[in-house]
Structures are given as structure tokens and as C-alpha cells.
Amino acid sequence: MCGRYTRFATAEAIYSYFRVPLPGPDAPNNLFPSWNVAPQTYQPIIRLNSETGQREIVLTRWGLVPSFAKEPMHSYSTINAKAETLLEKPMFREPFRRRRCLVPVSSYFEWCVTDPVKKRKQT
């Protein structure tokens, strides 16, 4: 499980490695490196274009909006799923079967609490 990740590959490296056709000169370039990618932020993914069937890079919000949700909310903890129970949990079952993508990630990490007393005071 991870709460944050990094992506320090260049846009050219991501397009090349994942064999994504290069965008036209008018396409926005939003593939800047990031060393602290947080949930709920918009990040690039690689997916198949539904019309052409070719790989494309698009920006999407990190996190899964459950099918039962009427609108995206921050209260759903849907950034992580356990591989062992992925197909058993209703929240992840259908998205896993039908809405898969690649996420260009260089590393991942979890914040650790260094001062438990300070954390207790904040809650």
C-alpha cells in the first residue's frame, strides 16, 4: 500500500517506454516530474483510446470514485486495493475488469509518524 509516489521520468521517456504515439504540436505537455504525488491530484495515465484502440496519455484524478457515489468525495479511501482481495471487493471488482490503465511511477512511499505525541495532539 502506498500513500504517495514519485515520477521523475521525462515526458519523452514515458512516451518512448510505453510506446505511446507522440502528441501533435498543439497538445498540452503536462508530464512534468513530481517527487510528491498525492491522492486526489490529476496525474497522467496510459490507456487505450476507445475510438482508435491506440495507447494515449491522459490526465486523471488519482483515486477511484465508487459506482455508488453520486459525486466525487474525499471521504472514500480508494487509492489502494490489495491484490489478494481485488476481485472479491465490490468497489474494485468491475473497475479492475473493465477500466484498466498504466500509471507511470518511479517509486512509492508512505509518510511515517516520527513523533507520536505530536500526532495525538493534532487529532
N, C-alpha and C. Protein backbone atom coordinates (compact mmCIF):
# COMPACT_ATOMS: atom_id res chain seq x y z
N MET A 1 0.84 -1.18 0.00
CA MET A 1 0.00 0.00 0.00
C MET A 1 0.89 1.24 0.00
N CYS A 2 0.49 2.24 -0.73
CA CYS A 2 1.26 3.48 -0.74
C CYS A 2 0.32 4.66 -0.66
N GLY A 3 0.81 5.73 -0.09
CA GLY A 3 0.02 6.93 0.03
C GLY A 3 0.51 8.04 -0.89
N ARG A 4 1.76 7.93 -1.35
CA ARG A 4 2.35 8.92 -2.25
C ARG A 4 3.26 8.18 -3.22
N TYR A 5 3.55 8.84 -4.34
CA TYR A 5 4.53 8.28 -5.26
C TYR A 5 5.29 9.38 -5.96
N THR A 6 6.37 8.97 -6.65
CA THR A 6 7.18 9.91 -7.41
C THR A 6 7.16 9.52 -8.87
N ARG A 7 7.36 10.51 -9.70
CA ARG A 7 7.51 10.26 -11.15
C ARG A 7 8.55 11.24 -11.63
N PHE A 8 9.76 10.74 -11.89
CA PHE A 8 10.81 11.66 -12.32
C PHE A 8 11.29 11.39 -13.73
N ALA A 9 10.61 10.53 -14.48
CA ALA A 9 10.95 10.31 -15.88
C ALA A 9 10.50 11.52 -16.71
N THR A 10 11.22 11.79 -17.77
CA THR A 10 10.83 12.88 -18.66
C THR A 10 9.64 12.45 -19.50
N ALA A 11 8.94 13.42 -20.07
CA ALA A 11 7.80 13.12 -20.94
C ALA A 11 8.25 12.25 -22.11
N GLU A 12 9.40 12.56 -22.69
CA GLU A 12 9.91 11.79 -23.83
C GLU A 12 10.17 10.34 -23.43
N ALA A 13 10.71 10.13 -22.24
CA ALA A 13 10.99 8.77 -21.77
C ALA A 13 9.70 7.99 -21.56
N ILE A 14 8.67 8.63 -21.02
CA ILE A 14 7.39 7.95 -20.79
C ILE A 14 6.75 7.56 -22.12
N TYR A 15 6.71 8.48 -23.08
CA TYR A 15 6.14 8.16 -24.39
C TYR A 15 6.90 7.02 -25.05
N SER A 16 8.22 7.06 -24.96
CA SER A 16 9.05 6.03 -25.60
C SER A 16 8.89 4.67 -24.91
N TYR A 17 9.01 4.65 -23.59
CA TYR A 17 8.97 3.38 -22.84
C TYR A 17 7.64 2.66 -23.02
N PHE A 18 6.54 3.40 -22.96
CA PHE A 18 5.22 2.79 -23.06
C PHE A 18 4.70 2.73 -24.50
N ARG A 19 5.54 3.14 -25.45
CA ARG A 19 5.21 3.09 -26.88
C ARG A 19 3.89 3.80 -27.17
N VAL A 20 3.79 5.01 -26.67
CA VAL A 20 2.61 5.85 -26.90
C VAL A 20 2.95 6.78 -28.06
N PRO A 21 2.06 6.89 -29.06
CA PRO A 21 2.34 7.82 -30.15
C PRO A 21 2.50 9.24 -29.61
N LEU A 22 3.48 9.94 -30.14
CA LEU A 22 3.73 11.31 -29.69
C LEU A 22 2.55 12.20 -30.06
N PRO A 23 2.19 13.12 -29.17
CA PRO A 23 1.06 14.02 -29.46
C PRO A 23 1.47 15.06 -30.50
N GLY A 24 0.47 15.68 -31.07
CA GLY A 24 0.72 16.76 -32.03
C GLY A 24 1.32 17.97 -31.34
N PRO A 25 1.79 18.93 -32.12
CA PRO A 25 2.43 20.12 -31.53
C PRO A 25 1.48 20.98 -30.71
N ASP A 26 0.16 20.84 -30.93
CA ASP A 26 -0.80 21.65 -30.19
C ASP A 26 -1.24 21.00 -28.88
N ALA A 27 -0.85 19.75 -28.64
CA ALA A 27 -1.27 19.04 -27.43
C ALA A 27 -0.55 19.60 -26.21
N PRO A 28 -1.25 19.71 -25.08
CA PRO A 28 -0.59 20.22 -23.87
C PRO A 28 0.41 19.20 -23.32
N ASN A 29 1.50 19.68 -22.78
CA ASN A 29 2.50 18.80 -22.18
C ASN A 29 2.41 18.95 -20.67
N ASN A 30 1.73 18.03 -20.03
CA ASN A 30 1.54 18.08 -18.57
C ASN A 30 2.31 16.99 -17.86
N LEU A 31 3.34 16.46 -18.49
CA LEU A 31 4.10 15.37 -17.89
C LEU A 31 5.35 15.88 -17.20
N PHE A 32 5.18 16.76 -16.25
CA PHE A 32 6.32 17.27 -15.52
C PHE A 32 6.66 16.32 -14.38
N PRO A 33 7.94 16.15 -14.06
CA PRO A 33 8.31 15.29 -12.93
C PRO A 33 7.71 15.78 -11.63
N SER A 34 7.43 14.86 -10.72
CA SER A 34 6.89 15.21 -9.41
C SER A 34 7.47 14.24 -8.38
N TRP A 35 7.95 14.79 -7.28
CA TRP A 35 8.55 13.96 -6.25
C TRP A 35 7.63 13.74 -5.06
N ASN A 36 6.38 14.20 -5.14
CA ASN A 36 5.44 14.02 -4.03
C ASN A 36 4.02 14.05 -4.59
N VAL A 37 3.66 13.00 -5.30
CA VAL A 37 2.34 12.92 -5.92
C VAL A 37 1.35 12.45 -4.85
N ALA A 38 0.31 13.24 -4.64
CA ALA A 38 -0.67 12.97 -3.59
C ALA A 38 -1.99 12.49 -4.18
N PRO A 39 -2.77 11.72 -3.41
CA PRO A 39 -4.11 11.33 -3.85
C PRO A 39 -4.96 12.57 -4.15
N GLN A 40 -5.93 12.40 -5.02
CA GLN A 40 -6.87 13.43 -5.44
C GLN A 40 -6.27 14.42 -6.43
N THR A 41 -4.99 14.31 -6.76
CA THR A 41 -4.40 15.21 -7.75
C THR A 41 -4.54 14.59 -9.14
N TYR A 42 -4.45 15.42 -10.16
CA TYR A 42 -4.56 14.94 -11.54
C TYR A 42 -3.18 14.51 -12.03
N GLN A 43 -3.11 13.25 -12.46
CA GLN A 43 -1.85 12.65 -12.87
C GLN A 43 -2.01 11.92 -14.20
N PRO A 44 -0.92 11.75 -14.95
CA PRO A 44 -1.02 11.07 -16.23
C PRO A 44 -1.16 9.55 -16.08
N ILE A 45 -1.95 8.98 -16.95
CA ILE A 45 -2.07 7.52 -17.06
C ILE A 45 -1.98 7.17 -18.54
N ILE A 46 -1.68 5.92 -18.81
CA ILE A 46 -1.68 5.41 -20.17
C ILE A 46 -2.86 4.47 -20.30
N ARG A 47 -3.69 4.70 -21.30
CA ARG A 47 -4.87 3.85 -21.52
C ARG A 47 -5.06 3.67 -23.02
N LEU A 48 -5.95 2.76 -23.37
CA LEU A 48 -6.30 2.57 -24.77
C LEU A 48 -7.41 3.55 -25.12
N ASN A 49 -7.25 4.26 -26.21
CA ASN A 49 -8.27 5.17 -26.70
C ASN A 49 -9.45 4.34 -27.17
N SER A 50 -10.65 4.66 -26.70
CA SER A 50 -11.84 3.86 -27.04
C SER A 50 -12.20 3.93 -28.51
N GLU A 51 -11.81 4.99 -29.20
CA GLU A 51 -12.14 5.12 -30.62
C GLU A 51 -11.09 4.53 -31.54
N THR A 52 -9.81 4.78 -31.24
CA THR A 52 -8.75 4.32 -32.13
C THR A 52 -8.09 3.02 -31.68
N GLY A 53 -8.21 2.70 -30.40
CA GLY A 53 -7.56 1.49 -29.88
C GLY A 53 -6.08 1.69 -29.62
N GLN A 54 -5.55 2.89 -29.86
CA GLN A 54 -4.14 3.18 -29.61
C GLN A 54 -3.94 3.66 -28.19
N ARG A 55 -2.72 3.47 -27.71
CA ARG A 55 -2.38 3.99 -26.39
C ARG A 55 -2.36 5.51 -26.43
N GLU A 56 -2.80 6.10 -25.32
CA GLU A 56 -2.76 7.55 -25.18
C GLU A 56 -2.45 7.89 -23.74
N ILE A 57 -1.92 9.08 -23.52
CA ILE A 57 -1.65 9.56 -22.18
C ILE A 57 -2.66 10.66 -21.88
N VAL A 58 -3.38 10.49 -20.76
CA VAL A 58 -4.38 11.48 -20.34
C VAL A 58 -4.18 11.77 -18.86
N LEU A 59 -4.64 12.93 -18.43
CA LEU A 59 -4.61 13.29 -17.01
C LEU A 59 -5.91 12.84 -16.36
N THR A 60 -5.80 12.14 -15.25
CA THR A 60 -6.97 11.71 -14.49
C THR A 60 -6.71 11.92 -13.01
N ARG A 61 -7.78 11.98 -12.25
CA ARG A 61 -7.69 12.18 -10.80
C ARG A 61 -7.29 10.86 -10.14
N TRP A 62 -6.27 10.90 -9.27
CA TRP A 62 -5.82 9.70 -8.58
C TRP A 62 -6.83 9.34 -7.51
N GLY A 63 -7.47 8.20 -7.69
CA GLY A 63 -8.47 7.69 -6.77
C GLY A 63 -9.65 7.19 -7.56
N LEU A 64 -10.31 6.22 -7.04
CA LEU A 64 -11.45 5.61 -7.70
C LEU A 64 -12.73 6.17 -7.10
N VAL A 65 -13.61 6.66 -7.94
CA VAL A 65 -14.93 7.09 -7.47
C VAL A 65 -15.82 5.85 -7.55
N PRO A 66 -16.31 5.36 -6.40
CA PRO A 66 -17.12 4.15 -6.42
C PRO A 66 -18.40 4.32 -7.24
N SER A 67 -18.89 3.23 -7.78
CA SER A 67 -20.08 3.28 -8.63
C SER A 67 -21.30 3.79 -7.87
N PHE A 68 -21.35 3.60 -6.56
CA PHE A 68 -22.50 4.03 -5.78
C PHE A 68 -22.44 5.52 -5.42
N ALA A 69 -21.31 6.18 -5.68
CA ALA A 69 -21.16 7.59 -5.32
C ALA A 69 -21.88 8.48 -6.33
N LYS A 70 -22.58 9.47 -5.82
CA LYS A 70 -23.27 10.40 -6.70
C LYS A 70 -22.31 11.46 -7.23
N GLU A 71 -21.25 11.76 -6.48
CA GLU A 71 -20.23 12.71 -6.91
C GLU A 71 -18.93 12.37 -6.20
N PRO A 72 -17.80 12.80 -6.77
CA PRO A 72 -16.51 12.50 -6.12
C PRO A 72 -16.42 13.17 -4.76
N MET A 73 -15.96 12.41 -3.78
CA MET A 73 -15.77 12.93 -2.42
C MET A 73 -14.43 12.46 -1.90
N HIS A 74 -13.85 13.24 -1.02
CA HIS A 74 -12.56 12.87 -0.45
C HIS A 74 -12.70 11.83 0.66
N SER A 75 -13.91 11.53 1.09
CA SER A 75 -14.08 10.61 2.22
C SER A 75 -13.91 9.15 1.83
N TYR A 76 -13.94 8.84 0.53
CA TYR A 76 -13.73 7.45 0.11
C TYR A 76 -12.24 7.17 0.04
N SER A 77 -11.80 6.11 0.70
CA SER A 77 -10.40 5.73 0.65
C SER A 77 -10.23 4.71 -0.47
N THR A 78 -10.02 5.19 -1.67
CA THR A 78 -9.99 4.29 -2.82
C THR A 78 -8.69 4.41 -3.61
N ILE A 79 -7.60 4.78 -2.96
CA ILE A 79 -6.34 4.89 -3.69
C ILE A 79 -5.59 3.57 -3.67
N ASN A 80 -5.94 2.65 -2.80
CA ASN A 80 -5.23 1.38 -2.68
C ASN A 80 -6.20 0.21 -2.68
N ALA A 81 -5.77 -0.86 -3.30
CA ALA A 81 -6.52 -2.10 -3.26
C ALA A 81 -5.52 -3.23 -3.04
N LYS A 82 -5.87 -4.22 -2.28
CA LYS A 82 -4.98 -5.36 -2.05
C LYS A 82 -5.16 -6.35 -3.20
N ALA A 83 -4.06 -6.77 -3.77
CA ALA A 83 -4.12 -7.72 -4.89
C ALA A 83 -4.82 -9.02 -4.49
N GLU A 84 -4.67 -9.42 -3.24
CA GLU A 84 -5.26 -10.69 -2.77
C GLU A 84 -6.78 -10.66 -2.77
N THR A 85 -7.38 -9.49 -2.57
CA THR A 85 -8.84 -9.40 -2.44
C THR A 85 -9.47 -8.51 -3.51
N LEU A 86 -8.72 -8.17 -4.51
CA LEU A 86 -9.18 -7.23 -5.53
C LEU A 86 -10.48 -7.67 -6.20
N LEU A 87 -10.59 -8.93 -6.56
CA LEU A 87 -11.78 -9.41 -7.25
C LEU A 87 -12.93 -9.74 -6.31
N GLU A 88 -12.69 -9.72 -5.00
CA GLU A 88 -13.74 -10.00 -4.03
C GLU A 88 -14.48 -8.74 -3.59
N LYS A 89 -13.81 -7.61 -3.60
CA LYS A 89 -14.40 -6.37 -3.11
C LYS A 89 -15.24 -5.70 -4.21
N PRO A 90 -16.53 -5.47 -3.95
CA PRO A 90 -17.39 -4.86 -4.98
C PRO A 90 -16.88 -3.51 -5.50
N MET A 91 -16.23 -2.73 -4.64
CA MET A 91 -15.76 -1.42 -5.06
C MET A 91 -14.71 -1.51 -6.16
N PHE A 92 -13.90 -2.56 -6.15
CA PHE A 92 -12.80 -2.68 -7.11
C PHE A 92 -13.04 -3.71 -8.21
N ARG A 93 -13.98 -4.60 -8.03
CA ARG A 93 -14.16 -5.73 -8.95
C ARG A 93 -14.40 -5.29 -10.40
N GLU A 94 -15.43 -4.50 -10.65
CA GLU A 94 -15.75 -4.09 -12.02
C GLU A 94 -14.72 -3.14 -12.62
N PRO A 95 -14.26 -2.14 -11.87
CA PRO A 95 -13.21 -1.29 -12.45
C PRO A 95 -11.97 -2.09 -12.85
N PHE A 96 -11.61 -3.09 -12.07
CA PHE A 96 -10.44 -3.92 -12.40
C PHE A 96 -10.68 -4.68 -13.70
N ARG A 97 -11.86 -5.17 -13.89
CA ARG A 97 -12.17 -5.94 -15.10
C ARG A 97 -12.31 -5.07 -16.35
N ARG A 98 -12.82 -3.85 -16.21
CA ARG A 98 -13.19 -3.06 -17.39
C ARG A 98 -12.44 -1.74 -17.58
N ARG A 99 -11.78 -1.22 -16.57
CA ARG A 99 -11.20 0.12 -16.67
C ARG A 99 -9.74 0.11 -16.21
N ARG A 100 -8.91 -0.63 -16.91
CA ARG A 100 -7.51 -0.74 -16.51
C ARG A 100 -6.65 0.28 -17.24
N CYS A 101 -5.53 0.61 -16.60
CA CYS A 101 -4.60 1.58 -17.19
C CYS A 101 -3.21 1.33 -16.62
N LEU A 102 -2.24 2.02 -17.18
CA LEU A 102 -0.87 2.00 -16.66
C LEU A 102 -0.59 3.35 -16.02
N VAL A 103 0.09 3.34 -14.90
CA VAL A 103 0.43 4.58 -14.20
C VAL A 103 1.96 4.68 -14.17
N PRO A 104 2.53 5.70 -14.83
CA PRO A 104 3.99 5.83 -14.81
C PRO A 104 4.48 6.32 -13.45
N VAL A 105 5.08 5.41 -12.69
CA VAL A 105 5.54 5.69 -11.33
C VAL A 105 7.01 5.31 -11.23
N SER A 106 7.81 6.16 -10.64
CA SER A 106 9.23 5.87 -10.44
C SER A 106 9.47 5.18 -9.10
N SER A 107 8.75 5.61 -8.06
CA SER A 107 8.85 4.98 -6.74
C SER A 107 7.61 5.34 -5.95
N TYR A 108 7.41 4.66 -4.85
CA TYR A 108 6.27 4.97 -4.00
C TYR A 108 6.72 4.96 -2.55
N PHE A 109 5.96 5.66 -1.72
CA PHE A 109 6.34 5.74 -0.31
C PHE A 109 5.12 6.06 0.53
N GLU A 110 5.27 5.89 1.82
CA GLU A 110 4.23 6.19 2.80
C GLU A 110 4.86 7.10 3.84
N TRP A 111 4.14 8.14 4.23
CA TRP A 111 4.63 9.01 5.29
C TRP A 111 4.67 8.22 6.59
N CYS A 112 5.69 8.43 7.39
CA CYS A 112 5.75 7.74 8.68
C CYS A 112 5.68 8.79 9.79
N VAL A 113 5.10 8.39 10.91
CA VAL A 113 4.97 9.27 12.06
C VAL A 113 6.27 9.20 12.84
N THR A 114 6.93 10.34 13.03
CA THR A 114 8.19 10.35 13.77
C THR A 114 8.00 10.78 15.22
N ASP A 115 6.90 11.49 15.50
CA ASP A 115 6.62 11.95 16.86
C ASP A 115 5.17 11.60 17.20
N PRO A 116 4.93 10.42 17.83
CA PRO A 116 3.56 10.01 18.11
C PRO A 116 2.81 10.98 19.01
N VAL A 117 3.49 11.71 19.90
CA VAL A 117 2.83 12.66 20.78
C VAL A 117 2.27 13.82 19.96
N LYS A 118 3.04 14.31 19.03
CA LYS A 118 2.59 15.41 18.18
C LYS A 118 1.37 14.99 17.36
N LYS A 119 1.38 13.77 16.84
CA LYS A 119 0.24 13.28 16.04
C LYS A 119 -1.01 13.20 16.93
N ARG A 120 -0.89 12.75 18.16
CA ARG A 120 -2.02 12.63 19.06
C ARG A 120 -2.66 13.99 19.33
N LYS A 121 -1.86 15.05 19.42
CA LYS A 121 -2.36 16.38 19.69
C LYS A 121 -3.15 16.93 18.50
N GLN A 122 -2.82 16.50 17.29
CA GLN A 122 -3.50 17.01 16.10
C GLN A 122 -4.87 16.41 15.92
N THR A 123 -5.10 15.21 16.44
CA THR A 123 -6.41 14.54 16.23
C THR A 123 -7.42 14.90 17.27
